[in-house]
């Protein structure tokens, strides 16, 4: 099942913090619990935390109990996640941006 079809039905998304899931969940307005492991995942988690759209567990903090607790806590991030989704929805589409680009070429 495509992620974009599933995310609008989720209460919370638990994931590693990759860009695709991070942005997909933001666009769907779903709060997140991020379990970063490497690469850009820590930066993505920090940005989500700063925006109030997620909670986080670091590798040393992982346990079944901690994931359960933080997933429940992530639900309190719903308003921030929905506000970001509204911002994303208000952005111009790629087609609209592409039509504007020639006006800015020199």
N, C-alpha and C. Protein backbone atom coordinates (compact mmCIF):
# COMPACT_ATOMS: atom_id res chain seq x y z
N UNK A 1 0.85 -1.17 0.00
CA UNK A 1 0.00 0.00 0.00
C UNK A 1 0.90 1.24 0.00
N UNK A 2 0.62 2.20 -0.85
CA UNK A 2 1.42 3.42 -0.86
C UNK A 2 1.31 4.18 0.46
N UNK A 3 2.44 4.67 0.91
CA UNK A 3 2.48 5.42 2.17
C UNK A 3 1.49 6.58 2.17
N UNK A 4 1.37 7.28 1.06
CA UNK A 4 0.48 8.44 0.99
C UNK A 4 -0.99 8.05 1.20
N UNK A 5 -1.35 6.82 0.88
CA UNK A 5 -2.72 6.36 1.10
C UNK A 5 -2.94 5.97 2.56
N UNK A 6 -1.90 5.53 3.23
CA UNK A 6 -2.00 5.05 4.60
C UNK A 6 -1.90 6.16 5.65
N UNK A 7 -1.01 7.11 5.45
CA UNK A 7 -0.73 8.12 6.47
C UNK A 7 -1.95 8.90 6.95
N UNK A 8 -2.87 9.30 6.10
CA UNK A 8 -4.02 10.06 6.60
C UNK A 8 -4.89 9.30 7.61
N UNK A 9 -4.71 7.98 7.69
CA UNK A 9 -5.50 7.16 8.60
C UNK A 9 -4.76 6.82 9.90
N UNK A 10 -3.52 7.28 10.02
CA UNK A 10 -2.70 6.97 11.19
C UNK A 10 -2.93 7.98 12.30
N UNK A 11 -2.85 7.51 13.54
CA UNK A 11 -2.91 8.40 14.69
C UNK A 11 -1.53 8.96 15.01
N UNK A 12 -0.51 8.13 14.84
CA UNK A 12 0.88 8.49 15.08
C UNK A 12 1.72 7.66 14.13
N UNK A 13 2.79 8.25 13.60
CA UNK A 13 3.71 7.51 12.74
C UNK A 13 5.01 7.31 13.53
N UNK A 14 5.41 6.06 13.68
CA UNK A 14 6.67 5.70 14.35
C UNK A 14 7.64 5.30 13.25
N UNK A 15 8.76 6.01 13.16
CA UNK A 15 9.70 5.74 12.07
C UNK A 15 11.10 6.21 12.42
N UNK A 16 12.05 5.93 11.55
CA UNK A 16 13.45 6.23 11.80
C UNK A 16 13.86 7.66 11.50
N UNK A 17 13.00 8.45 10.89
CA UNK A 17 13.32 9.85 10.63
C UNK A 17 13.84 10.14 9.25
N UNK A 18 13.66 9.22 8.33
CA UNK A 18 14.05 9.48 6.95
C UNK A 18 13.19 10.58 6.35
N UNK A 19 13.71 11.24 5.35
CA UNK A 19 13.03 12.39 4.76
C UNK A 19 11.67 12.05 4.17
N UNK A 20 11.55 10.91 3.50
CA UNK A 20 10.28 10.56 2.87
C UNK A 20 9.14 10.41 3.86
N UNK A 21 9.36 9.64 4.90
CA UNK A 21 8.31 9.45 5.91
C UNK A 21 8.09 10.72 6.70
N UNK A 22 9.16 11.43 7.03
CA UNK A 22 9.03 12.69 7.77
C UNK A 22 8.13 13.66 7.02
N UNK A 23 8.43 13.89 5.74
CA UNK A 23 7.65 14.85 4.95
C UNK A 23 6.25 14.32 4.65
N UNK A 24 6.13 13.02 4.40
CA UNK A 24 4.81 12.45 4.15
C UNK A 24 3.89 12.59 5.34
N UNK A 25 4.41 12.31 6.54
CA UNK A 25 3.60 12.45 7.75
C UNK A 25 3.26 13.91 8.01
N UNK A 26 4.21 14.81 7.74
CA UNK A 26 3.91 16.24 7.90
C UNK A 26 2.79 16.67 6.96
N UNK A 27 2.88 16.26 5.71
CA UNK A 27 1.85 16.64 4.74
C UNK A 27 0.48 16.09 5.13
N UNK A 28 0.48 14.94 5.80
CA UNK A 28 -0.78 14.33 6.23
C UNK A 28 -1.26 14.89 7.58
N UNK A 29 -0.42 15.67 8.24
CA UNK A 29 -0.80 16.24 9.53
C UNK A 29 -0.81 15.25 10.66
N UNK A 30 0.06 14.24 10.58
CA UNK A 30 0.11 13.17 11.59
C UNK A 30 1.31 13.38 12.51
N UNK A 31 1.10 13.35 13.82
CA UNK A 31 2.23 13.46 14.73
C UNK A 31 3.16 12.26 14.59
N UNK A 32 4.42 12.44 15.00
CA UNK A 32 5.43 11.43 14.76
C UNK A 32 6.23 11.10 16.02
N UNK A 33 6.64 9.85 16.12
CA UNK A 33 7.66 9.42 17.07
C UNK A 33 8.83 9.00 16.22
N UNK A 34 9.95 9.71 16.37
CA UNK A 34 11.11 9.47 15.54
C UNK A 34 12.17 8.70 16.33
N UNK A 35 12.70 7.65 15.70
CA UNK A 35 13.74 6.81 16.28
C UNK A 35 14.97 6.90 15.38
N UNK A 36 15.69 8.03 15.39
CA UNK A 36 16.78 8.23 14.44
C UNK A 36 17.93 7.25 14.65
N UNK A 37 18.54 6.86 13.53
CA UNK A 37 19.64 5.90 13.56
C UNK A 37 20.91 6.47 12.92
N UNK A 38 20.79 7.34 11.92
CA UNK A 38 21.96 7.87 11.23
C UNK A 38 21.57 8.87 10.16
N UNK A 39 22.57 9.25 9.37
CA UNK A 39 22.41 10.17 8.24
C UNK A 39 21.67 11.44 8.67
N UNK A 40 20.66 11.83 7.90
CA UNK A 40 19.91 13.06 8.18
C UNK A 40 18.81 12.85 9.23
N UNK A 41 18.67 11.66 9.74
CA UNK A 41 17.55 11.34 10.63
C UNK A 41 17.59 12.13 11.93
N UNK A 42 18.77 12.38 12.48
CA UNK A 42 18.86 13.15 13.72
C UNK A 42 18.46 14.60 13.48
N UNK A 43 18.89 15.17 12.36
CA UNK A 43 18.51 16.55 12.02
C UNK A 43 17.01 16.65 11.77
N UNK A 44 16.44 15.67 11.09
CA UNK A 44 15.00 15.67 10.84
C UNK A 44 14.23 15.59 12.16
N UNK A 45 14.70 14.74 13.06
CA UNK A 45 14.05 14.61 14.37
C UNK A 45 14.12 15.92 15.13
N UNK A 46 15.28 16.57 15.12
CA UNK A 46 15.43 17.85 15.83
C UNK A 46 14.49 18.91 15.27
N UNK A 47 14.35 18.96 13.95
CA UNK A 47 13.45 19.93 13.33
C UNK A 47 12.00 19.65 13.72
N UNK A 48 11.62 18.38 13.75
CA UNK A 48 10.26 18.02 14.15
C UNK A 48 10.01 18.37 15.62
N UNK A 49 10.99 18.11 16.47
CA UNK A 49 10.86 18.46 17.89
C UNK A 49 10.71 19.95 18.06
N UNK A 50 11.53 20.72 17.36
CA UNK A 50 11.48 22.18 17.46
C UNK A 50 10.13 22.72 17.01
N UNK A 51 9.52 22.06 16.04
CA UNK A 51 8.21 22.49 15.53
C UNK A 51 7.06 21.98 16.39
N UNK A 52 7.37 21.11 17.34
CA UNK A 52 6.32 20.54 18.19
C UNK A 52 5.50 19.47 17.54
N UNK A 53 6.00 18.90 16.43
CA UNK A 53 5.23 17.92 15.66
C UNK A 53 5.61 16.47 15.96
N UNK A 54 6.55 16.26 16.91
CA UNK A 54 7.02 14.89 17.15
C UNK A 54 7.65 14.76 18.53
N UNK A 55 7.81 13.51 18.92
CA UNK A 55 8.64 13.14 20.05
C UNK A 55 9.76 12.28 19.47
N UNK A 56 10.75 11.96 20.31
CA UNK A 56 11.92 11.25 19.82
C UNK A 56 12.44 10.28 20.89
N UNK A 57 12.98 9.20 20.42
CA UNK A 57 13.75 8.30 21.27
C UNK A 57 15.08 8.05 20.59
N UNK A 58 16.16 8.24 21.32
CA UNK A 58 17.49 7.98 20.80
C UNK A 58 17.80 6.49 20.93
N UNK A 59 18.77 5.99 20.17
CA UNK A 59 19.05 4.55 20.19
C UNK A 59 19.24 3.98 21.60
N UNK A 60 19.92 4.68 22.47
CA UNK A 60 20.18 4.17 23.82
C UNK A 60 18.92 4.14 24.69
N UNK A 61 17.88 4.83 24.26
CA UNK A 61 16.63 4.92 25.04
C UNK A 61 15.58 3.91 24.61
N UNK A 62 15.86 3.14 23.57
CA UNK A 62 14.84 2.25 23.00
C UNK A 62 14.51 1.06 23.89
N UNK A 63 13.22 0.89 24.09
CA UNK A 63 12.65 -0.30 24.72
C UNK A 63 11.19 -0.32 24.32
N UNK A 64 10.55 -1.44 24.46
CA UNK A 64 9.13 -1.53 24.12
C UNK A 64 8.32 -0.55 24.96
N UNK A 65 8.65 -0.44 26.23
CA UNK A 65 7.92 0.47 27.12
C UNK A 65 8.12 1.93 26.71
N UNK A 66 9.36 2.28 26.36
CA UNK A 66 9.65 3.66 25.97
C UNK A 66 8.93 4.02 24.68
N UNK A 67 8.91 3.10 23.72
CA UNK A 67 8.20 3.36 22.46
C UNK A 67 6.72 3.54 22.73
N UNK A 68 6.15 2.70 23.56
CA UNK A 68 4.73 2.82 23.89
C UNK A 68 4.43 4.17 24.52
N UNK A 69 5.24 4.56 25.51
CA UNK A 69 5.02 5.83 26.20
C UNK A 69 5.19 7.02 25.26
N UNK A 70 6.26 7.02 24.47
CA UNK A 70 6.50 8.16 23.59
C UNK A 70 5.52 8.21 22.43
N UNK A 71 5.02 7.09 21.97
CA UNK A 71 3.98 7.11 20.93
C UNK A 71 2.71 7.75 21.49
N UNK A 72 2.39 7.45 22.74
CA UNK A 72 1.24 8.10 23.37
C UNK A 72 1.49 9.59 23.53
N UNK A 73 2.70 9.97 23.93
CA UNK A 73 3.05 11.38 24.08
C UNK A 73 3.01 12.11 22.74
N UNK A 74 3.37 11.42 21.67
CA UNK A 74 3.38 12.04 20.35
C UNK A 74 1.98 12.51 19.94
N UNK A 75 0.97 11.85 20.44
CA UNK A 75 -0.41 12.27 20.11
C UNK A 75 -0.67 13.71 20.52
N UNK A 76 0.05 14.20 21.52
CA UNK A 76 -0.12 15.59 21.95
C UNK A 76 0.46 16.58 20.95
N UNK A 77 1.14 16.07 19.94
CA UNK A 77 1.74 16.93 18.90
C UNK A 77 0.80 17.13 17.70
N UNK A 78 -0.41 16.63 17.82
CA UNK A 78 -1.35 16.66 16.69
C UNK A 78 -1.63 18.06 16.16
N UNK A 79 -1.84 19.03 17.05
CA UNK A 79 -2.15 20.39 16.57
C UNK A 79 -1.00 20.98 15.76
N UNK A 80 0.22 20.80 16.23
CA UNK A 80 1.38 21.31 15.50
C UNK A 80 1.52 20.60 14.15
N UNK A 81 1.32 19.30 14.14
CA UNK A 81 1.41 18.54 12.89
C UNK A 81 0.36 19.01 11.89
N UNK A 82 -0.83 19.25 12.36
CA UNK A 82 -1.91 19.71 11.46
C UNK A 82 -1.63 21.12 10.95
N UNK A 83 -1.06 21.98 11.79
CA UNK A 83 -0.72 23.34 11.35
C UNK A 83 0.32 23.29 10.24
N UNK A 84 1.30 22.41 10.37
CA UNK A 84 2.31 22.26 9.32
C UNK A 84 1.68 21.71 8.05
N UNK A 85 0.77 20.77 8.19
CA UNK A 85 0.07 20.22 7.01
C UNK A 85 -0.68 21.32 6.27
N UNK A 86 -1.27 22.23 7.01
CA UNK A 86 -1.98 23.35 6.37
C UNK A 86 -1.00 24.24 5.61
N UNK A 87 0.17 24.48 6.17
CA UNK A 87 1.19 25.27 5.48
C UNK A 87 1.63 24.58 4.20
N UNK A 88 1.84 23.28 4.27
CA UNK A 88 2.27 22.52 3.10
C UNK A 88 1.18 22.56 2.03
N UNK A 89 -0.06 22.39 2.43
CA UNK A 89 -1.17 22.39 1.47
C UNK A 89 -1.32 23.74 0.77
N UNK A 90 -0.92 24.81 1.43
CA UNK A 90 -1.03 26.15 0.85
C UNK A 90 0.12 26.48 -0.11
N UNK A 91 1.14 25.65 -0.14
CA UNK A 91 2.28 25.89 -1.03
C UNK A 91 1.88 25.65 -2.48
N UNK A 92 2.53 26.35 -3.40
CA UNK A 92 2.22 26.10 -4.81
C UNK A 92 2.65 24.70 -5.23
N UNK A 93 1.97 24.16 -6.20
CA UNK A 93 2.31 22.83 -6.71
C UNK A 93 3.60 22.91 -7.52
N UNK A 94 4.24 21.77 -7.75
CA UNK A 94 5.44 21.77 -8.60
C UNK A 94 5.15 22.36 -9.99
N UNK A 95 3.98 22.07 -10.53
CA UNK A 95 3.60 22.62 -11.84
C UNK A 95 3.54 24.15 -11.80
N UNK A 96 2.96 24.68 -10.73
CA UNK A 96 2.88 26.14 -10.60
C UNK A 96 4.26 26.76 -10.47
N UNK A 97 5.12 26.13 -9.73
CA UNK A 97 6.49 26.63 -9.57
C UNK A 97 7.22 26.57 -10.91
N UNK A 98 7.08 25.47 -11.62
CA UNK A 98 7.75 25.31 -12.92
C UNK A 98 7.32 26.40 -13.91
N UNK A 99 6.05 26.76 -13.88
CA UNK A 99 5.57 27.81 -14.79
C UNK A 99 6.16 29.18 -14.44
N UNK A 100 6.49 29.39 -13.18
CA UNK A 100 7.04 30.66 -12.74
C UNK A 100 8.55 30.78 -12.97
N UNK A 101 9.25 29.66 -13.04
CA UNK A 101 10.71 29.68 -13.15
C UNK A 101 11.25 30.49 -14.34
N UNK A 102 10.67 30.37 -15.52
CA UNK A 102 11.21 31.16 -16.63
C UNK A 102 11.20 32.67 -16.37
N UNK A 103 10.29 33.15 -15.56
CA UNK A 103 10.23 34.59 -15.25
C UNK A 103 11.44 35.03 -14.44
N UNK A 104 12.11 34.08 -13.80
CA UNK A 104 13.24 34.41 -12.93
C UNK A 104 14.59 34.07 -13.57
N UNK A 105 14.59 33.51 -14.78
CA UNK A 105 15.84 33.16 -15.48
C UNK A 105 16.42 34.41 -16.11
N UNK A 106 17.72 34.49 -16.09
CA UNK A 106 18.38 35.66 -16.70
C UNK A 106 19.08 35.27 -17.96
